[in-house]
N, C-alpha and C. Protein backbone atom coordinates (compact mmCIF):
# COMPACT_ATOMS: atom_id res chain seq x y z
N UNK A 1 55.18 -80.52 279.83
CA UNK A 1 54.32 -81.54 279.26
C UNK A 1 55.09 -81.69 277.93
N UNK A 2 55.34 -82.85 277.63
CA UNK A 2 56.05 -83.31 276.37
C UNK A 2 54.99 -83.07 275.20
N UNK A 3 55.06 -82.17 274.17
CA UNK A 3 54.18 -82.26 273.03
C UNK A 3 54.05 -83.48 272.23
N UNK A 4 52.89 -83.54 271.76
CA UNK A 4 52.85 -84.82 270.90
C UNK A 4 53.42 -85.13 269.73
N UNK A 5 54.23 -86.01 269.40
CA UNK A 5 54.94 -86.01 268.26
C UNK A 5 54.00 -86.65 267.37
N UNK A 6 54.32 -86.01 265.99
CA UNK A 6 53.43 -86.41 264.81
C UNK A 6 54.04 -87.31 263.53
N UNK A 7 53.47 -88.34 263.30
CA UNK A 7 54.14 -89.04 262.22
C UNK A 7 53.99 -88.09 260.60
N UNK A 8 53.37 -87.40 260.91
CA UNK A 8 53.31 -86.62 259.45
C UNK A 8 54.43 -85.54 259.52
N UNK A 9 54.95 -85.04 258.04
CA UNK A 9 56.03 -84.43 258.16
C UNK A 9 55.45 -82.88 258.08
N UNK A 10 55.95 -82.17 258.81
CA UNK A 10 55.24 -80.46 258.75
C UNK A 10 55.81 -79.84 257.62
N UNK A 11 54.82 -79.31 256.79
CA UNK A 11 55.17 -78.29 255.81
C UNK A 11 55.29 -77.06 256.24
N UNK A 12 55.72 -76.15 255.44
CA UNK A 12 56.02 -74.69 255.93
C UNK A 12 54.34 -74.07 256.25
N UNK A 13 53.28 -74.72 255.75
CA UNK A 13 51.97 -74.16 256.14
C UNK A 13 51.55 -75.00 257.53
N UNK A 14 52.22 -76.11 258.14
CA UNK A 14 51.79 -76.79 259.37
C UNK A 14 50.54 -77.86 258.98
N UNK A 15 50.99 -78.21 257.96
CA UNK A 15 50.31 -79.34 257.57
C UNK A 15 50.22 -80.74 258.57
N UNK A 16 51.44 -81.07 258.86
CA UNK A 16 51.60 -82.02 259.71
C UNK A 16 50.87 -81.47 260.88
N UNK A 17 50.80 -80.37 261.79
CA UNK A 17 50.34 -79.95 262.92
C UNK A 17 48.99 -80.24 262.68
N UNK A 18 48.34 -79.70 261.47
CA UNK A 18 46.81 -79.89 261.51
C UNK A 18 46.27 -81.20 261.46
N UNK A 19 46.82 -82.06 260.66
CA UNK A 19 46.93 -83.74 260.58
C UNK A 19 47.02 -84.42 261.82
N UNK A 20 47.81 -83.81 262.91
CA UNK A 20 47.68 -84.49 264.06
C UNK A 20 46.81 -84.05 265.04
N UNK A 21 46.73 -82.47 265.19
CA UNK A 21 45.35 -82.37 265.65
C UNK A 21 44.13 -82.98 265.16
N UNK A 22 43.47 -83.26 263.95
CA UNK A 22 42.50 -83.94 263.92
C UNK A 22 42.59 -85.41 264.05
N UNK A 23 43.96 -85.88 263.68
CA UNK A 23 43.69 -87.52 264.59
C UNK A 23 43.83 -87.28 266.13
N UNK A 24 44.27 -86.82 266.93
CA UNK A 24 44.34 -86.79 268.17
C UNK A 24 43.54 -85.88 269.37
N UNK A 25 43.00 -84.88 268.49
CA UNK A 25 42.41 -83.77 269.62
C UNK A 25 40.78 -83.66 269.13
N UNK A 26 40.52 -84.09 268.10
CA UNK A 26 39.09 -83.92 267.60
C UNK A 26 38.07 -85.37 268.05
N UNK A 27 37.33 -84.67 269.07
CA UNK A 27 36.75 -85.55 269.73
C UNK A 27 35.60 -86.65 268.52
N UNK A 28 35.62 -87.90 268.47
CA UNK A 28 34.80 -88.65 267.47
C UNK A 28 35.37 -88.56 265.81
N UNK A 29 36.30 -87.97 265.72
CA UNK A 29 36.72 -87.52 264.09
C UNK A 29 37.33 -89.02 263.86
N UNK A 30 36.41 -89.42 262.68
CA UNK A 30 37.26 -90.54 262.11
C UNK A 30 38.48 -90.13 261.26
N UNK A 31 39.54 -90.22 261.74
CA UNK A 31 40.73 -89.73 261.20
C UNK A 31 40.97 -90.87 259.87
N UNK A 32 41.38 -90.74 259.03
CA UNK A 32 41.64 -91.52 257.78
C UNK A 32 43.03 -91.21 257.08
N UNK A 33 44.20 -91.26 257.05
CA UNK A 33 45.28 -90.63 256.54
C UNK A 33 45.39 -90.55 254.97
N UNK A 34 44.89 -91.48 254.67
CA UNK A 34 44.68 -91.59 252.97
C UNK A 34 43.42 -90.42 252.57
N UNK A 35 42.82 -90.11 253.53
CA UNK A 35 41.49 -88.83 253.14
C UNK A 35 42.01 -87.73 253.64
N UNK A 36 42.35 -87.94 254.97
CA UNK A 36 42.92 -86.62 255.26
C UNK A 36 44.03 -85.57 255.02
N UNK A 37 44.95 -86.48 254.55
CA UNK A 37 46.29 -85.58 253.77
C UNK A 37 45.65 -84.89 252.68
N UNK A 38 44.96 -85.55 251.71
CA UNK A 38 44.44 -84.57 250.62
C UNK A 38 43.68 -83.45 250.84
N UNK A 39 42.87 -83.88 251.89
CA UNK A 39 41.80 -82.63 252.33
C UNK A 39 42.21 -81.88 253.11
N UNK A 40 43.50 -81.65 253.94
CA UNK A 40 44.12 -80.67 254.56
C UNK A 40 45.03 -80.01 253.75
N UNK A 41 45.63 -80.76 252.52
CA UNK A 41 46.32 -79.75 251.53
C UNK A 41 45.16 -78.99 250.81
N UNK A 42 44.07 -79.68 250.34
CA UNK A 42 43.03 -78.72 249.68
C UNK A 42 42.76 -77.70 250.23
N UNK A 43 42.50 -77.65 252.02
CA UNK A 43 42.12 -76.61 252.66
C UNK A 43 42.99 -75.68 252.51
N UNK A 44 44.38 -75.93 252.67
CA UNK A 44 45.77 -75.11 252.65
C UNK A 44 45.55 -74.39 251.28
N UNK A 45 45.25 -75.04 250.24
CA UNK A 45 45.43 -74.37 248.89
C UNK A 45 44.04 -73.58 248.87
N UNK A 46 43.03 -74.14 249.16
CA UNK A 46 41.95 -73.19 248.87
C UNK A 46 41.86 -71.73 249.57
N UNK A 47 42.33 -72.19 250.76
CA UNK A 47 42.15 -70.76 251.97
C UNK A 47 43.47 -70.48 252.43
N UNK A 48 44.29 -70.02 251.32
CA UNK A 48 45.66 -69.63 251.92
C UNK A 48 45.84 -68.44 252.96
N UNK A 49 44.83 -67.64 253.00
CA UNK A 49 45.24 -66.45 253.78
C UNK A 49 44.53 -66.51 255.16
N UNK A 50 43.98 -67.84 255.51
CA UNK A 50 43.10 -68.47 256.62
C UNK A 50 44.08 -69.34 257.47
N UNK A 51 44.04 -69.02 258.89
CA UNK A 51 44.85 -70.16 259.75
C UNK A 51 44.01 -71.23 259.89
N UNK A 52 44.36 -72.48 259.21
CA UNK A 52 43.50 -73.77 259.27
C UNK A 52 43.57 -74.19 260.63
N UNK A 53 44.40 -74.36 261.07
CA UNK A 53 44.41 -74.68 262.39
C UNK A 53 43.54 -74.12 263.56
N UNK A 54 43.86 -73.04 263.42
CA UNK A 54 42.82 -72.02 264.56
C UNK A 54 41.53 -72.05 264.18
N UNK A 55 40.96 -72.36 263.02
CA UNK A 55 39.82 -72.20 262.71
C UNK A 55 39.14 -73.81 263.00
N UNK A 56 39.92 -74.84 262.71
CA UNK A 56 39.54 -76.23 262.91
C UNK A 56 39.32 -76.28 264.86
N UNK A 57 40.31 -75.32 265.46
CA UNK A 57 40.27 -75.44 266.79
C UNK A 57 38.84 -74.75 267.22
N UNK A 58 38.65 -73.29 266.58
CA UNK A 58 37.35 -72.72 266.82
C UNK A 58 36.18 -73.60 266.39
N UNK A 59 36.13 -74.52 265.30
CA UNK A 59 34.96 -75.28 265.05
C UNK A 59 35.08 -76.14 266.20
N UNK A 60 35.93 -76.81 266.77
CA UNK A 60 35.71 -77.84 267.86
C UNK A 60 35.18 -77.15 268.85
N UNK A 61 35.51 -76.22 269.39
CA UNK A 61 35.12 -75.48 270.53
C UNK A 61 33.68 -75.03 270.43
N UNK A 62 33.40 -74.57 269.29
CA UNK A 62 32.25 -73.82 268.99
C UNK A 62 31.27 -74.94 269.39
N UNK A 63 31.32 -76.20 269.00
CA UNK A 63 30.52 -77.28 269.29
C UNK A 63 30.75 -78.02 270.46
N UNK A 64 31.25 -77.39 271.61
CA UNK A 64 31.50 -77.74 272.64
C UNK A 64 32.17 -79.00 272.83
N UNK A 65 33.25 -79.10 272.28
CA UNK A 65 34.16 -80.31 272.23
C UNK A 65 33.35 -81.66 272.11
N UNK A 66 32.23 -81.71 271.61
CA UNK A 66 31.58 -82.91 271.28
C UNK A 66 31.95 -83.66 270.00
N UNK A 67 31.42 -85.05 270.23
CA UNK A 67 31.63 -85.71 268.93
C UNK A 67 30.89 -85.28 267.69
N UNK A 68 31.69 -85.23 266.59
CA UNK A 68 31.21 -84.81 265.46
C UNK A 68 30.15 -86.00 264.61
N UNK A 69 29.33 -85.78 263.68
CA UNK A 69 28.68 -86.79 262.83
C UNK A 69 29.62 -87.82 262.13
N UNK A 70 29.22 -88.53 261.11
CA UNK A 70 29.84 -89.34 260.36
C UNK A 70 31.23 -88.95 259.67
N UNK A 71 32.14 -89.45 259.28
CA UNK A 71 33.14 -89.08 258.45
C UNK A 71 32.87 -88.18 257.33
N UNK A 72 32.07 -88.34 256.31
CA UNK A 72 32.02 -87.67 255.30
C UNK A 72 31.28 -86.11 256.00
N UNK A 73 30.56 -86.11 256.87
CA UNK A 73 29.70 -84.85 256.99
C UNK A 73 30.77 -84.17 258.32
N UNK A 74 31.63 -84.92 258.65
CA UNK A 74 32.84 -84.17 259.46
C UNK A 74 33.57 -83.14 258.84
N UNK A 75 33.97 -83.81 257.18
CA UNK A 75 34.84 -83.01 256.78
C UNK A 75 34.07 -81.73 256.00
N UNK A 76 33.11 -82.39 255.48
CA UNK A 76 32.11 -81.17 254.96
C UNK A 76 31.87 -79.95 255.84
N UNK A 77 31.44 -80.28 257.10
CA UNK A 77 31.62 -79.56 258.06
C UNK A 77 32.40 -78.54 258.31
N UNK A 78 33.66 -79.07 258.83
CA UNK A 78 35.04 -78.27 258.89
C UNK A 78 35.21 -77.55 257.43
N UNK A 79 34.98 -78.05 256.55
CA UNK A 79 35.40 -76.95 255.27
C UNK A 79 34.40 -75.98 255.17
N UNK A 80 33.14 -76.52 255.34
CA UNK A 80 32.33 -75.12 255.17
C UNK A 80 32.52 -74.21 256.49
N UNK A 81 32.86 -74.54 257.76
CA UNK A 81 33.13 -73.68 258.74
C UNK A 81 34.58 -72.43 258.09
N UNK A 82 35.45 -73.29 257.79
CA UNK A 82 36.41 -72.76 256.98
C UNK A 82 36.32 -71.66 255.98
N UNK A 83 35.27 -72.19 255.03
CA UNK A 83 35.11 -71.42 253.86
C UNK A 83 34.35 -70.14 254.70
N UNK A 84 33.59 -70.20 255.31
CA UNK A 84 32.89 -69.17 256.16
C UNK A 84 33.52 -68.04 256.81
N UNK A 85 34.65 -68.72 257.61
CA UNK A 85 35.66 -67.88 258.14
C UNK A 85 36.63 -66.98 256.97
N UNK A 86 36.93 -67.76 255.96
CA UNK A 86 37.59 -66.89 254.97
C UNK A 86 37.02 -65.98 254.41
N UNK A 87 35.68 -66.08 253.94
CA UNK A 87 34.48 -65.43 253.56
C UNK A 87 34.47 -63.97 254.37
N UNK A 88 34.30 -64.24 255.34
CA UNK A 88 34.18 -63.02 256.72
C UNK A 88 35.68 -62.41 256.86
N UNK A 89 36.60 -62.96 256.87
CA UNK A 89 37.79 -62.15 256.75
C UNK A 89 37.92 -61.37 255.47
N UNK A 90 37.50 -62.22 254.62
CA UNK A 90 37.89 -61.05 253.18
C UNK A 90 36.89 -59.94 253.16
N UNK A 91 35.79 -60.30 253.68
CA UNK A 91 34.81 -59.32 253.62
C UNK A 91 35.41 -57.88 254.46
N UNK A 92 35.98 -58.29 255.51
CA UNK A 92 36.70 -57.14 256.76
C UNK A 92 37.31 -56.53 256.12
N UNK A 93 38.24 -57.13 255.10
CA UNK A 93 39.49 -56.64 254.71
C UNK A 93 38.96 -55.80 253.60
N UNK A 94 38.03 -55.95 252.90
CA UNK A 94 37.35 -54.98 252.20
C UNK A 94 36.58 -53.78 252.44
N UNK A 95 36.23 -53.76 253.73
CA UNK A 95 35.39 -52.75 254.16
C UNK A 95 35.85 -52.37 255.48
């Protein structure tokens, strides 16, 4: 199977892969490049030790691959998920 090509340039952190996943793999996600590009950059910047793509995949499957609510709450829900994952990871490294 040929991998899906992405119109986004891929930075060293996988920004393009994350954007492509949000656009093509998240059921019901209202992808908007002008909003999601800075959203993903901010996630990468705020949580540098977290695998953002993996956490978005975890989020998707935790919610049983169901469509997400409106555009604003979608991003807020994803950000909160990643923040909790980063916090758990940080806590486990300390103890």
